[in-house]
Amino acid sequence: MTRPSDTRLLVLHGLRLKGFAVAHDVTSVVGVPPDEVGSHLEQLQGDELVLYRDGRLTGFALTPAGRAEHERLLAAELDSNGCRAAIEGAYRRFLGLNPDLLTVCTAWQMKDDGTLNAHDDLAYDGAVIDDLGELHVRVDPVLADLEGAMLRYQSYRPRFDNALDRVRAGGPEWFAKPMIDSYHTVWFQLHEDLLNTLGIERSKEVTHS
């Protein structure tokens, strides 16, 4: 039976995935209520595991010690849950879909003739959205296996669903725009999540299936 992740770990994890964030941003990634996130961030700051920056951009980020603690807690969780094989299998299948996500995002931004997609051709955009929908179906069993291995992976499905629904409803920015929960943003964060969970450095990632 899968067990919920420790809240302290979830806050560190959400901050690692966001890079630089306030409490609400962490909540959007890991589902911990903002007041709990804020309380943990204060404690983590006191432990010198996160730092706070105030200015044009305001928020929290992990310190080197915080990154090390995050990695330690992830490894301990993976071992205690006994689900490394399941996560590794899902990761390999996800990695096999990654080129298709990159292809469909490129098609959304650039047409075959090399011109930028101005999103004024409904037939073209409709075909690319259909391709994204097909990829959405193919990633579903990967998400199901991850959800069965660790409860914290349940946060990704509704975020993917929301992004796709918004694209289909006429919101082109929800396809691949950074800084919002676009489909590409959620995909990128899931990729980072899997790398972090398994202790794989992106530079050493094996990209072939």
N, C-alpha and C. Protein backbone atom coordinates (compact mmCIF):
# COMPACT_ATOMS: atom_id res chain seq x y z
N MET A 1 0.84 -1.19 0.00
CA MET A 1 0.00 0.00 0.00
C MET A 1 0.88 1.24 0.00
N THR A 2 0.54 2.19 -0.87
CA THR A 2 1.31 3.43 -0.94
C THR A 2 1.02 4.29 0.28
N ARG A 3 2.01 5.07 0.69
CA ARG A 3 1.87 5.93 1.86
C ARG A 3 2.09 7.38 1.44
N PRO A 4 1.44 8.30 2.17
CA PRO A 4 1.64 9.71 1.84
C PRO A 4 3.06 10.16 2.18
N SER A 5 3.58 11.09 1.40
CA SER A 5 4.92 11.62 1.65
C SER A 5 4.89 12.55 2.86
N ASP A 6 6.01 12.62 3.55
CA ASP A 6 6.17 13.56 4.65
C ASP A 6 6.00 14.99 4.14
N THR A 7 5.26 15.81 4.89
CA THR A 7 4.97 17.18 4.43
C THR A 7 6.24 18.00 4.26
N ARG A 8 7.20 17.82 5.16
CA ARG A 8 8.47 18.55 5.05
C ARG A 8 9.15 18.20 3.74
N LEU A 9 9.14 16.93 3.39
CA LEU A 9 9.71 16.51 2.10
C LEU A 9 8.96 17.13 0.94
N LEU A 10 7.64 17.15 1.02
CA LEU A 10 6.84 17.70 -0.07
C LEU A 10 7.16 19.17 -0.30
N VAL A 11 7.34 19.92 0.78
CA VAL A 11 7.66 21.34 0.63
C VAL A 11 9.03 21.51 -0.02
N LEU A 12 10.02 20.75 0.44
CA LEU A 12 11.34 20.79 -0.19
C LEU A 12 11.25 20.38 -1.65
N HIS A 13 10.44 19.36 -1.92
CA HIS A 13 10.31 18.84 -3.28
C HIS A 13 9.66 19.86 -4.20
N GLY A 14 8.59 20.48 -3.71
CA GLY A 14 7.93 21.50 -4.52
C GLY A 14 8.84 22.67 -4.82
N LEU A 15 9.64 23.05 -3.84
CA LEU A 15 10.57 24.15 -4.04
C LEU A 15 11.67 23.76 -5.02
N ARG A 16 12.12 22.53 -4.96
CA ARG A 16 13.14 22.05 -5.90
C ARG A 16 12.60 22.07 -7.33
N LEU A 17 11.36 21.65 -7.50
CA LEU A 17 10.78 21.61 -8.84
C LEU A 17 10.51 23.01 -9.39
N LYS A 18 10.11 23.93 -8.52
CA LYS A 18 9.83 25.30 -8.97
C LYS A 18 11.11 26.12 -9.10
N GLY A 19 12.13 25.79 -8.29
CA GLY A 19 13.38 26.53 -8.35
C GLY A 19 13.38 27.75 -7.44
N PHE A 20 12.38 28.58 -7.60
CA PHE A 20 12.24 29.81 -6.81
C PHE A 20 10.76 30.08 -6.69
N ALA A 21 10.25 30.16 -5.46
CA ALA A 21 8.80 30.19 -5.33
C ALA A 21 8.35 30.77 -3.99
N VAL A 22 7.08 31.17 -3.96
CA VAL A 22 6.41 31.51 -2.71
C VAL A 22 5.51 30.34 -2.34
N ALA A 23 4.88 30.43 -1.17
CA ALA A 23 4.11 29.30 -0.65
C ALA A 23 3.04 28.82 -1.63
N HIS A 24 2.32 29.76 -2.25
CA HIS A 24 1.24 29.38 -3.17
C HIS A 24 1.78 28.56 -4.35
N ASP A 25 2.96 28.92 -4.84
CA ASP A 25 3.56 28.18 -5.96
C ASP A 25 3.86 26.74 -5.56
N VAL A 26 4.36 26.55 -4.35
CA VAL A 26 4.67 25.21 -3.87
C VAL A 26 3.38 24.40 -3.73
N THR A 27 2.33 25.05 -3.23
CA THR A 27 1.03 24.38 -3.10
C THR A 27 0.54 23.87 -4.44
N SER A 28 0.71 24.66 -5.48
CA SER A 28 0.22 24.28 -6.81
C SER A 28 0.91 23.03 -7.35
N VAL A 29 2.10 22.75 -6.85
CA VAL A 29 2.86 21.60 -7.34
C VAL A 29 2.63 20.35 -6.49
N VAL A 30 2.59 20.51 -5.17
CA VAL A 30 2.53 19.33 -4.30
C VAL A 30 1.24 19.21 -3.50
N GLY A 31 0.36 20.21 -3.56
CA GLY A 31 -0.95 20.08 -2.94
C GLY A 31 -1.01 20.34 -1.45
N VAL A 32 0.08 20.72 -0.83
CA VAL A 32 0.07 21.05 0.60
C VAL A 32 -0.56 22.43 0.77
N PRO A 33 -1.50 22.62 1.69
CA PRO A 33 -2.13 23.93 1.88
C PRO A 33 -1.11 25.03 2.11
N PRO A 34 -1.37 26.25 1.61
CA PRO A 34 -0.40 27.34 1.72
C PRO A 34 0.05 27.65 3.14
N ASP A 35 -0.89 27.55 4.12
CA ASP A 35 -0.49 27.87 5.49
C ASP A 35 0.51 26.85 6.02
N GLU A 36 0.33 25.57 5.65
CA GLU A 36 1.29 24.55 6.06
C GLU A 36 2.63 24.75 5.35
N VAL A 37 2.55 25.09 4.06
CA VAL A 37 3.79 25.37 3.32
C VAL A 37 4.54 26.52 3.99
N GLY A 38 3.82 27.59 4.31
CA GLY A 38 4.46 28.74 4.93
C GLY A 38 5.12 28.40 6.25
N SER A 39 4.44 27.59 7.06
CA SER A 39 5.00 27.18 8.35
C SER A 39 6.28 26.38 8.16
N HIS A 40 6.26 25.46 7.21
CA HIS A 40 7.45 24.65 6.94
C HIS A 40 8.58 25.50 6.37
N LEU A 41 8.25 26.45 5.53
CA LEU A 41 9.29 27.30 4.96
C LEU A 41 9.99 28.11 6.05
N GLU A 42 9.23 28.58 7.03
CA GLU A 42 9.84 29.30 8.14
C GLU A 42 10.82 28.39 8.90
N GLN A 43 10.39 27.15 9.17
CA GLN A 43 11.25 26.21 9.88
C GLN A 43 12.49 25.87 9.05
N LEU A 44 12.28 25.66 7.75
CA LEU A 44 13.39 25.31 6.88
C LEU A 44 14.38 26.47 6.76
N GLN A 45 13.85 27.68 6.78
CA GLN A 45 14.73 28.85 6.74
C GLN A 45 15.57 28.91 8.02
N GLY A 46 14.94 28.61 9.15
CA GLY A 46 15.66 28.59 10.41
C GLY A 46 16.74 27.52 10.44
N ASP A 47 16.50 26.42 9.73
CA ASP A 47 17.48 25.34 9.65
C ASP A 47 18.51 25.57 8.54
N GLU A 48 18.40 26.71 7.87
CA GLU A 48 19.31 27.10 6.78
C GLU A 48 19.24 26.14 5.59
N LEU A 49 18.05 25.59 5.39
CA LEU A 49 17.83 24.70 4.25
C LEU A 49 17.18 25.44 3.08
N VAL A 50 16.57 26.59 3.37
CA VAL A 50 16.06 27.46 2.32
C VAL A 50 16.49 28.88 2.63
N LEU A 51 16.52 29.70 1.61
CA LEU A 51 16.81 31.12 1.80
C LEU A 51 15.68 31.93 1.18
N TYR A 52 15.49 33.12 1.72
CA TYR A 52 14.42 34.01 1.25
C TYR A 52 15.04 35.23 0.59
N ARG A 53 14.53 35.58 -0.56
CA ARG A 53 15.01 36.76 -1.27
C ARG A 53 13.85 37.72 -1.46
N ASP A 54 14.10 38.98 -1.17
CA ASP A 54 13.09 40.01 -1.30
C ASP A 54 13.58 41.06 -2.29
N GLY A 55 12.72 41.46 -3.19
CA GLY A 55 13.12 42.43 -4.19
C GLY A 55 12.15 42.40 -5.35
N ARG A 56 12.67 42.59 -6.56
CA ARG A 56 11.80 42.54 -7.74
C ARG A 56 11.13 41.17 -7.84
N LEU A 57 11.89 40.13 -7.53
CA LEU A 57 11.33 38.79 -7.42
C LEU A 57 11.48 38.35 -5.97
N THR A 58 10.37 37.95 -5.38
CA THR A 58 10.36 37.57 -3.98
C THR A 58 9.99 36.11 -3.84
N GLY A 59 10.74 35.39 -3.01
CA GLY A 59 10.41 34.00 -2.80
C GLY A 59 11.52 33.23 -2.11
N PHE A 60 11.34 31.91 -2.06
CA PHE A 60 12.27 31.01 -1.41
C PHE A 60 12.98 30.14 -2.43
N ALA A 61 14.18 29.70 -2.06
CA ALA A 61 14.94 28.76 -2.87
C ALA A 61 15.73 27.86 -1.93
N LEU A 62 16.06 26.67 -2.40
CA LEU A 62 16.86 25.75 -1.60
C LEU A 62 18.30 26.23 -1.52
N THR A 63 18.89 26.07 -0.36
CA THR A 63 20.33 26.27 -0.21
C THR A 63 21.03 24.96 -0.60
N PRO A 64 22.35 24.95 -0.76
CA PRO A 64 23.05 23.68 -1.01
C PRO A 64 22.73 22.62 0.04
N ALA A 65 22.64 23.04 1.30
CA ALA A 65 22.29 22.09 2.36
C ALA A 65 20.86 21.59 2.17
N GLY A 66 19.97 22.47 1.69
CA GLY A 66 18.59 22.09 1.44
C GLY A 66 18.48 21.09 0.31
N ARG A 67 19.28 21.27 -0.73
CA ARG A 67 19.28 20.31 -1.84
C ARG A 67 19.77 18.96 -1.36
N ALA A 68 20.79 18.96 -0.52
CA ALA A 68 21.31 17.70 0.00
C ALA A 68 20.28 16.99 0.88
N GLU A 69 19.57 17.77 1.70
CA GLU A 69 18.53 17.20 2.56
C GLU A 69 17.38 16.66 1.73
N HIS A 70 17.02 17.38 0.69
CA HIS A 70 15.96 16.94 -0.22
C HIS A 70 16.34 15.61 -0.86
N GLU A 71 17.55 15.50 -1.34
CA GLU A 71 18.02 14.26 -1.96
C GLU A 71 18.03 13.11 -0.96
N ARG A 72 18.43 13.39 0.28
CA ARG A 72 18.48 12.35 1.30
C ARG A 72 17.07 11.84 1.61
N LEU A 73 16.13 12.76 1.76
CA LEU A 73 14.76 12.37 2.09
C LEU A 73 14.10 11.62 0.93
N LEU A 74 14.36 12.03 -0.30
CA LEU A 74 13.81 11.31 -1.46
C LEU A 74 14.31 9.88 -1.51
N ALA A 75 15.61 9.70 -1.29
CA ALA A 75 16.20 8.36 -1.32
C ALA A 75 15.62 7.49 -0.21
N ALA A 76 15.46 8.08 0.98
CA ALA A 76 14.90 7.33 2.10
C ALA A 76 13.46 6.92 1.83
N GLU A 77 12.69 7.84 1.23
CA GLU A 77 11.30 7.53 0.91
C GLU A 77 11.22 6.40 -0.12
N LEU A 78 12.06 6.47 -1.13
CA LEU A 78 12.05 5.45 -2.17
C LEU A 78 12.37 4.09 -1.59
N ASP A 79 13.35 4.03 -0.71
CA ASP A 79 13.74 2.76 -0.09
C ASP A 79 12.66 2.24 0.85
N SER A 80 12.08 3.13 1.65
CA SER A 80 11.08 2.69 2.63
C SER A 80 9.79 2.21 1.95
N ASN A 81 9.46 2.80 0.81
CA ASN A 81 8.25 2.40 0.08
C ASN A 81 8.47 1.14 -0.75
N GLY A 82 9.72 0.81 -1.01
CA GLY A 82 10.02 -0.39 -1.80
C GLY A 82 9.48 -0.33 -3.22
N CYS A 83 9.49 0.88 -3.81
CA CYS A 83 8.87 1.03 -5.13
C CYS A 83 9.86 1.50 -6.19
N ARG A 84 11.15 1.31 -5.95
CA ARG A 84 12.14 1.78 -6.92
C ARG A 84 11.91 1.18 -8.30
N ALA A 85 11.66 -0.13 -8.36
CA ALA A 85 11.48 -0.79 -9.66
C ALA A 85 10.29 -0.21 -10.42
N ALA A 86 9.21 0.06 -9.69
CA ALA A 86 8.01 0.62 -10.34
C ALA A 86 8.28 2.02 -10.87
N ILE A 87 8.98 2.84 -10.08
CA ILE A 87 9.29 4.20 -10.52
C ILE A 87 10.27 4.17 -11.69
N GLU A 88 11.25 3.30 -11.64
CA GLU A 88 12.21 3.19 -12.74
C GLU A 88 11.53 2.76 -14.03
N GLY A 89 10.61 1.80 -13.92
CA GLY A 89 9.89 1.35 -15.11
C GLY A 89 9.04 2.45 -15.71
N ALA A 90 8.33 3.19 -14.86
CA ALA A 90 7.51 4.30 -15.34
C ALA A 90 8.38 5.39 -15.96
N TYR A 91 9.53 5.64 -15.34
CA TYR A 91 10.46 6.65 -15.86
C TYR A 91 10.94 6.27 -17.27
N ARG A 92 11.31 5.02 -17.46
CA ARG A 92 11.79 4.61 -18.79
C ARG A 92 10.69 4.78 -19.85
N ARG A 93 9.47 4.46 -19.50
CA ARG A 93 8.37 4.63 -20.44
C ARG A 93 8.08 6.10 -20.70
N PHE A 94 8.15 6.90 -19.65
CA PHE A 94 7.97 8.35 -19.81
C PHE A 94 9.04 8.91 -20.71
N LEU A 95 10.27 8.47 -20.51
CA LEU A 95 11.38 8.96 -21.32
C LEU A 95 11.18 8.61 -22.79
N GLY A 96 10.56 7.46 -23.05
CA GLY A 96 10.26 7.08 -24.42
C GLY A 96 9.24 7.99 -25.09
N LEU A 97 8.39 8.64 -24.28
CA LEU A 97 7.39 9.57 -24.81
C LEU A 97 7.92 10.98 -24.94
N ASN A 98 9.04 11.27 -24.29
CA ASN A 98 9.56 12.63 -24.24
C ASN A 98 9.82 13.23 -25.63
N PRO A 99 10.43 12.48 -26.57
CA PRO A 99 10.63 13.06 -27.92
C PRO A 99 9.32 13.46 -28.60
N ASP A 100 8.25 12.71 -28.33
CA ASP A 100 6.97 13.03 -28.95
C ASP A 100 6.40 14.34 -28.37
N LEU A 101 6.61 14.56 -27.07
CA LEU A 101 6.17 15.82 -26.47
C LEU A 101 6.95 16.98 -27.08
N LEU A 102 8.25 16.81 -27.27
CA LEU A 102 9.06 17.87 -27.86
C LEU A 102 8.63 18.14 -29.30
N THR A 103 8.30 17.09 -30.02
CA THR A 103 7.85 17.23 -31.41
C THR A 103 6.54 18.01 -31.50
N VAL A 104 5.59 17.67 -30.64
CA VAL A 104 4.29 18.33 -30.71
C VAL A 104 4.39 19.78 -30.23
N CYS A 105 5.26 20.05 -29.27
CA CYS A 105 5.44 21.44 -28.82
C CYS A 105 6.12 22.28 -29.91
N THR A 106 7.08 21.68 -30.61
CA THR A 106 7.71 22.38 -31.72
C THR A 106 6.70 22.69 -32.82
N ALA A 107 5.83 21.72 -33.12
CA ALA A 107 4.80 21.92 -34.14
C ALA A 107 3.82 23.01 -33.73
N TRP A 108 3.60 23.15 -32.44
CA TRP A 108 2.70 24.20 -31.96
C TRP A 108 3.31 25.59 -32.15
N GLN A 109 4.61 25.65 -32.06
CA GLN A 109 5.29 26.94 -32.14
C GLN A 109 5.78 27.28 -33.55
N MET A 110 6.03 26.24 -34.36
CA MET A 110 6.64 26.45 -35.67
C MET A 110 6.00 25.52 -36.70
N LYS A 111 5.64 26.07 -37.84
CA LYS A 111 5.04 25.25 -38.89
C LYS A 111 6.13 24.53 -39.70
N ASP A 112 5.69 23.59 -40.53
CA ASP A 112 6.63 22.77 -41.29
C ASP A 112 7.49 23.60 -42.24
N ASP A 113 6.98 24.75 -42.69
CA ASP A 113 7.74 25.58 -43.61
C ASP A 113 8.73 26.50 -42.90
N GLY A 114 8.84 26.35 -41.57
CA GLY A 114 9.81 27.13 -40.82
C GLY A 114 9.29 28.47 -40.32
N THR A 115 8.03 28.77 -40.58
CA THR A 115 7.45 30.03 -40.11
C THR A 115 6.84 29.84 -38.73
N LEU A 116 6.82 30.93 -37.97
CA LEU A 116 6.20 30.87 -36.65
C LEU A 116 4.70 30.63 -36.78
N ASN A 117 4.16 29.85 -35.89
CA ASN A 117 2.73 29.58 -35.89
C ASN A 117 2.01 30.76 -35.23
N ALA A 118 1.26 31.49 -36.02
CA ALA A 118 0.53 32.65 -35.52
C ALA A 118 -0.83 32.25 -34.93
N HIS A 119 -1.15 30.96 -34.95
CA HIS A 119 -2.41 30.42 -34.43
C HIS A 119 -3.62 31.06 -35.10
N ASP A 120 -3.45 31.31 -36.40
CA ASP A 120 -4.56 31.84 -37.19
C ASP A 120 -5.10 30.81 -38.18
N ASP A 121 -4.56 29.59 -38.10
CA ASP A 121 -5.01 28.49 -38.96
C ASP A 121 -5.65 27.45 -38.06
N LEU A 122 -6.97 27.48 -37.98
CA LEU A 122 -7.68 26.60 -37.05
C LEU A 122 -7.48 25.13 -37.38
N ALA A 123 -7.37 24.81 -38.65
CA ALA A 123 -7.18 23.41 -39.04
C ALA A 123 -5.81 22.90 -38.58
N TYR A 124 -4.79 23.74 -38.78
CA TYR A 124 -3.44 23.34 -38.36
C TYR A 124 -3.40 23.18 -36.84
N ASP A 125 -3.87 24.19 -36.11
CA ASP A 125 -3.84 24.11 -34.66
C ASP A 125 -4.66 22.93 -34.15
N GLY A 126 -5.79 22.68 -34.80
CA GLY A 126 -6.63 21.56 -34.38
C GLY A 126 -5.91 20.23 -34.51
N ALA A 127 -5.13 20.07 -35.58
CA ALA A 127 -4.39 18.83 -35.78
C ALA A 127 -3.31 18.65 -34.72
N VAL A 128 -2.63 19.75 -34.36
CA VAL A 128 -1.59 19.67 -33.33
C VAL A 128 -2.22 19.37 -31.97
N ILE A 129 -3.36 19.97 -31.69
CA ILE A 129 -4.05 19.70 -30.42
C ILE A 129 -4.48 18.24 -30.37
N ASP A 130 -4.91 17.70 -31.50
CA ASP A 130 -5.26 16.28 -31.56
C ASP A 130 -4.04 15.41 -31.24
N ASP A 131 -2.88 15.81 -31.74
CA ASP A 131 -1.65 15.06 -31.45
C ASP A 131 -1.33 15.12 -29.96
N LEU A 132 -1.55 16.28 -29.35
CA LEU A 132 -1.32 16.40 -27.91
C LEU A 132 -2.32 15.52 -27.15
N GLY A 133 -3.55 15.49 -27.60
CA GLY A 133 -4.55 14.64 -26.97
C GLY A 133 -4.19 13.17 -27.05
N GLU A 134 -3.61 12.77 -28.20
CA GLU A 134 -3.19 11.38 -28.36
C GLU A 134 -2.04 11.05 -27.42
N LEU A 135 -1.11 11.99 -27.26
CA LEU A 135 -0.01 11.80 -26.32
C LEU A 135 -0.53 11.75 -24.89
N HIS A 136 -1.53 12.54 -24.60
CA HIS A 136 -2.16 12.56 -23.28
C HIS A 136 -2.70 11.17 -22.92
N VAL A 137 -3.29 10.51 -23.89
CA VAL A 137 -3.81 9.15 -23.68
C VAL A 137 -2.66 8.18 -23.43
N ARG A 138 -1.58 8.34 -24.15
CA ARG A 138 -0.45 7.42 -24.03
C ARG A 138 0.30 7.58 -22.71
N VAL A 139 0.30 8.79 -22.15
CA VAL A 139 1.00 8.98 -20.88
C VAL A 139 0.14 8.54 -19.70
N ASP A 140 -1.14 8.32 -19.91
CA ASP A 140 -2.05 7.96 -18.83
C ASP A 140 -1.61 6.71 -18.05
N PRO A 141 -1.25 5.61 -18.72
CA PRO A 141 -0.83 4.43 -17.94
C PRO A 141 0.47 4.65 -17.16
N VAL A 142 1.32 5.53 -17.64
CA VAL A 142 2.54 5.87 -16.90
C VAL A 142 2.16 6.58 -15.60
N LEU A 143 1.23 7.53 -15.72
CA LEU A 143 0.76 8.23 -14.53
C LEU A 143 0.09 7.27 -13.55
N ALA A 144 -0.68 6.33 -14.08
CA ALA A 144 -1.36 5.36 -13.22
C ALA A 144 -0.36 4.54 -12.42
N ASP A 145 0.71 4.12 -13.06
CA ASP A 145 1.73 3.34 -12.35
C ASP A 145 2.44 4.19 -11.30
N LEU A 146 2.72 5.45 -11.63
CA LEU A 146 3.36 6.33 -10.65
C LEU A 146 2.45 6.59 -9.47
N GLU A 147 1.16 6.81 -9.73
CA GLU A 147 0.20 7.04 -8.66
C GLU A 147 0.08 5.82 -7.75
N GLY A 148 0.19 4.65 -8.34
CA GLY A 148 0.12 3.42 -7.55
C GLY A 148 1.35 3.20 -6.71
N ALA A 149 2.47 3.82 -7.11
CA ALA A 149 3.73 3.65 -6.38
C ALA A 149 3.90 4.68 -5.28
N MET A 150 3.51 5.94 -5.55
CA MET A 150 3.66 7.02 -4.57
C MET A 150 2.49 7.98 -4.70
N LEU A 151 1.86 8.27 -3.57
CA LEU A 151 0.68 9.14 -3.59
C LEU A 151 0.98 10.53 -4.12
N ARG A 152 2.20 11.02 -3.92
CA ARG A 152 2.49 12.39 -4.34
C ARG A 152 2.42 12.56 -5.86
N TYR A 153 2.46 11.48 -6.61
CA TYR A 153 2.34 11.61 -8.06
C TYR A 153 0.90 11.85 -8.51
N GLN A 154 -0.05 11.79 -7.57
CA GLN A 154 -1.44 12.05 -7.94
C GLN A 154 -1.69 13.51 -8.32
N SER A 155 -0.74 14.37 -8.02
CA SER A 155 -0.94 15.80 -8.33
C SER A 155 -0.80 16.10 -9.82
N TYR A 156 -0.16 15.20 -10.58
CA TYR A 156 0.12 15.52 -11.98
C TYR A 156 -1.08 15.34 -12.90
N ARG A 157 -1.87 14.32 -12.70
CA ARG A 157 -2.99 14.06 -13.62
C ARG A 157 -3.94 15.25 -13.73
N PRO A 158 -4.44 15.80 -12.62
CA PRO A 158 -5.35 16.96 -12.77
C PRO A 158 -4.69 18.16 -13.41
N ARG A 159 -3.39 18.32 -13.24
CA ARG A 159 -2.69 19.45 -13.86
C ARG A 159 -2.56 19.24 -15.37
N PHE A 160 -2.27 18.02 -15.79
CA PHE A 160 -2.25 17.72 -17.22
C PHE A 160 -3.64 17.91 -17.81
N ASP A 161 -4.65 17.37 -17.13
CA ASP A 161 -6.03 17.49 -17.63
C ASP A 161 -6.43 18.95 -17.77
N ASN A 162 -6.10 19.76 -16.77
CA ASN A 162 -6.46 21.17 -16.80
C ASN A 162 -5.80 21.89 -17.97
N ALA A 163 -4.51 21.63 -18.19
CA ALA A 163 -3.81 22.29 -19.29
C ALA A 163 -4.41 21.91 -20.63
N LEU A 164 -4.68 20.62 -20.84
CA LEU A 164 -5.25 20.18 -22.11
C LEU A 164 -6.64 20.76 -22.31
N ASP A 165 -7.45 20.77 -21.25
CA ASP A 165 -8.79 21.33 -21.36
C ASP A 165 -8.74 22.81 -21.75
N ARG A 166 -7.79 23.54 -21.19
CA ARG A 166 -7.68 24.97 -21.48
C ARG A 166 -7.21 25.20 -22.92
N VAL A 167 -6.30 24.35 -23.40
CA VAL A 167 -5.87 24.45 -24.80
C VAL A 167 -7.06 24.20 -25.71
N ARG A 168 -7.82 23.15 -25.44
CA ARG A 168 -8.97 22.80 -26.27
C ARG A 168 -10.05 23.89 -26.22
N ALA A 169 -10.09 24.62 -25.11
CA ALA A 169 -11.10 25.69 -24.96
C ALA A 169 -10.66 27.00 -25.59
N GLY A 170 -9.50 27.00 -26.24
CA GLY A 170 -9.05 28.19 -26.95
C GLY A 170 -7.99 29.00 -26.24
N GLY A 171 -7.26 28.38 -25.32
CA GLY A 171 -6.17 29.07 -24.62
C GLY A 171 -4.82 28.57 -25.10
N PRO A 172 -4.27 29.13 -26.16
CA PRO A 172 -3.02 28.61 -26.73
C PRO A 172 -1.84 28.66 -25.76
N GLU A 173 -1.87 29.59 -24.80
CA GLU A 173 -0.75 29.71 -23.87
C GLU A 173 -0.62 28.48 -22.97
N TRP A 174 -1.70 27.72 -22.83
CA TRP A 174 -1.66 26.55 -21.95
C TRP A 174 -1.00 25.34 -22.59
N PHE A 175 -0.55 25.51 -23.81
CA PHE A 175 0.18 24.44 -24.49
C PHE A 175 1.62 24.38 -23.99
N ALA A 176 2.34 25.48 -24.08
CA ALA A 176 3.78 25.42 -23.79
C ALA A 176 4.34 26.67 -23.14
N LYS A 177 3.50 27.58 -22.66
CA LYS A 177 4.02 28.82 -22.08
C LYS A 177 4.70 28.55 -20.74
N PRO A 178 5.92 29.08 -20.54
CA PRO A 178 6.57 28.96 -19.24
C PRO A 178 5.84 29.81 -18.19
N MET A 179 6.13 29.54 -16.93
CA MET A 179 5.66 30.34 -15.79
C MET A 179 4.19 30.12 -15.47
N ILE A 180 3.47 29.33 -16.24
CA ILE A 180 2.12 28.90 -15.87
C ILE A 180 2.10 27.38 -15.97
N ASP A 181 1.03 26.76 -15.47
CA ASP A 181 0.93 25.30 -15.51
C ASP A 181 0.50 24.80 -16.89
N SER A 182 1.24 25.22 -17.92
CA SER A 182 0.96 24.72 -19.27
C SER A 182 1.31 23.24 -19.35
N TYR A 183 0.88 22.59 -20.42
CA TYR A 183 1.15 21.16 -20.56
C TYR A 183 2.65 20.89 -20.54
N HIS A 184 3.41 21.71 -21.24
CA HIS A 184 4.86 21.54 -21.28
C HIS A 184 5.48 21.77 -19.90
N THR A 185 4.99 22.75 -19.17
CA THR A 185 5.51 23.03 -17.83
C THR A 185 5.31 21.83 -16.91
N VAL A 186 4.10 21.27 -16.92
CA VAL A 186 3.81 20.11 -16.06
C VAL A 186 4.65 18.92 -16.48
N TRP A 187 4.81 18.73 -17.79
CA TRP A 187 5.63 17.63 -18.30
C TRP A 187 7.08 17.78 -17.83
N PHE A 188 7.61 18.99 -17.95
CA PHE A 188 8.98 19.25 -17.54
C PHE A 188 9.16 18.98 -16.05
N GLN A 189 8.19 19.40 -15.24
CA GLN A 189 8.30 19.18 -13.81
C GLN A 189 8.20 17.70 -13.45
N LEU A 190 7.36 16.95 -14.16
CA LEU A 190 7.30 15.51 -13.91
C LEU A 190 8.63 14.86 -14.27
N HIS A 191 9.22 15.30 -15.37
CA HIS A 191 10.54 14.78 -15.77
C HIS A 191 11.57 15.05 -14.67
N GLU A 192 11.59 16.28 -14.19
CA GLU A 192 12.52 16.64 -13.11
C GLU A 192 12.22 15.84 -11.85
N ASP A 193 10.96 15.64 -11.57
CA ASP A 193 10.54 14.87 -10.40
C ASP A 193 11.12 13.46 -10.47
N LEU A 194 10.99 12.82 -11.61
CA LEU A 194 11.49 11.45 -11.77
C LEU A 194 13.01 11.40 -11.66
N LEU A 195 13.68 12.37 -12.26
CA LEU A 195 15.14 12.41 -12.17
C LEU A 195 15.57 12.58 -10.71
N ASN A 196 14.93 13.50 -10.00
CA ASN A 196 15.28 13.74 -8.60
C ASN A 196 14.99 12.52 -7.75
N THR A 197 13.83 11.92 -7.96
CA THR A 197 13.43 10.76 -7.16
C THR A 197 14.40 9.61 -7.32
N LEU A 198 14.86 9.40 -8.54
CA LEU A 198 15.76 8.28 -8.83
C LEU A 198 17.23 8.65 -8.68
N GLY A 199 17.51 9.91 -8.36
CA GLY A 199 18.89 10.33 -8.18
C GLY A 199 19.70 10.33 -9.46
N ILE A 200 19.05 10.70 -10.58
CA ILE A 200 19.72 10.71 -11.88
C ILE A 200 20.04 12.15 -12.26
N GLU A 201 21.28 12.43 -12.60
CA GLU A 201 21.64 13.75 -13.08
C GLU A 201 21.21 13.90 -14.53
N ARG A 202 20.58 15.02 -14.86
CA ARG A 202 20.07 15.22 -16.23
C ARG A 202 21.18 15.07 -17.26
N SER A 203 22.39 15.56 -16.92
CA SER A 203 23.50 15.47 -17.87
C SER A 203 23.92 14.04 -18.15
N LYS A 204 23.56 13.12 -17.25
CA LYS A 204 23.94 11.72 -17.42
C LYS A 204 22.75 10.84 -17.82
N GLU A 205 21.64 11.49 -18.15
CA GLU A 205 20.45 10.75 -18.50
C GLU A 205 20.62 10.03 -19.83
N VAL A 206 20.21 8.78 -19.87
CA VAL A 206 20.22 8.00 -21.11
C VAL A 206 18.94 8.34 -21.86
N THR A 207 19.08 8.95 -23.02
CA THR A 207 17.90 9.48 -23.72
C THR A 207 17.26 8.49 -24.67
N HIS A 208 17.91 7.39 -24.93
CA HIS A 208 17.25 6.42 -25.82
C HIS A 208 16.47 5.43 -24.98
N SER A 209 15.41 4.88 -25.58
CA SER A 209 14.55 3.93 -24.84
C SER A 209 15.11 2.53 -24.95
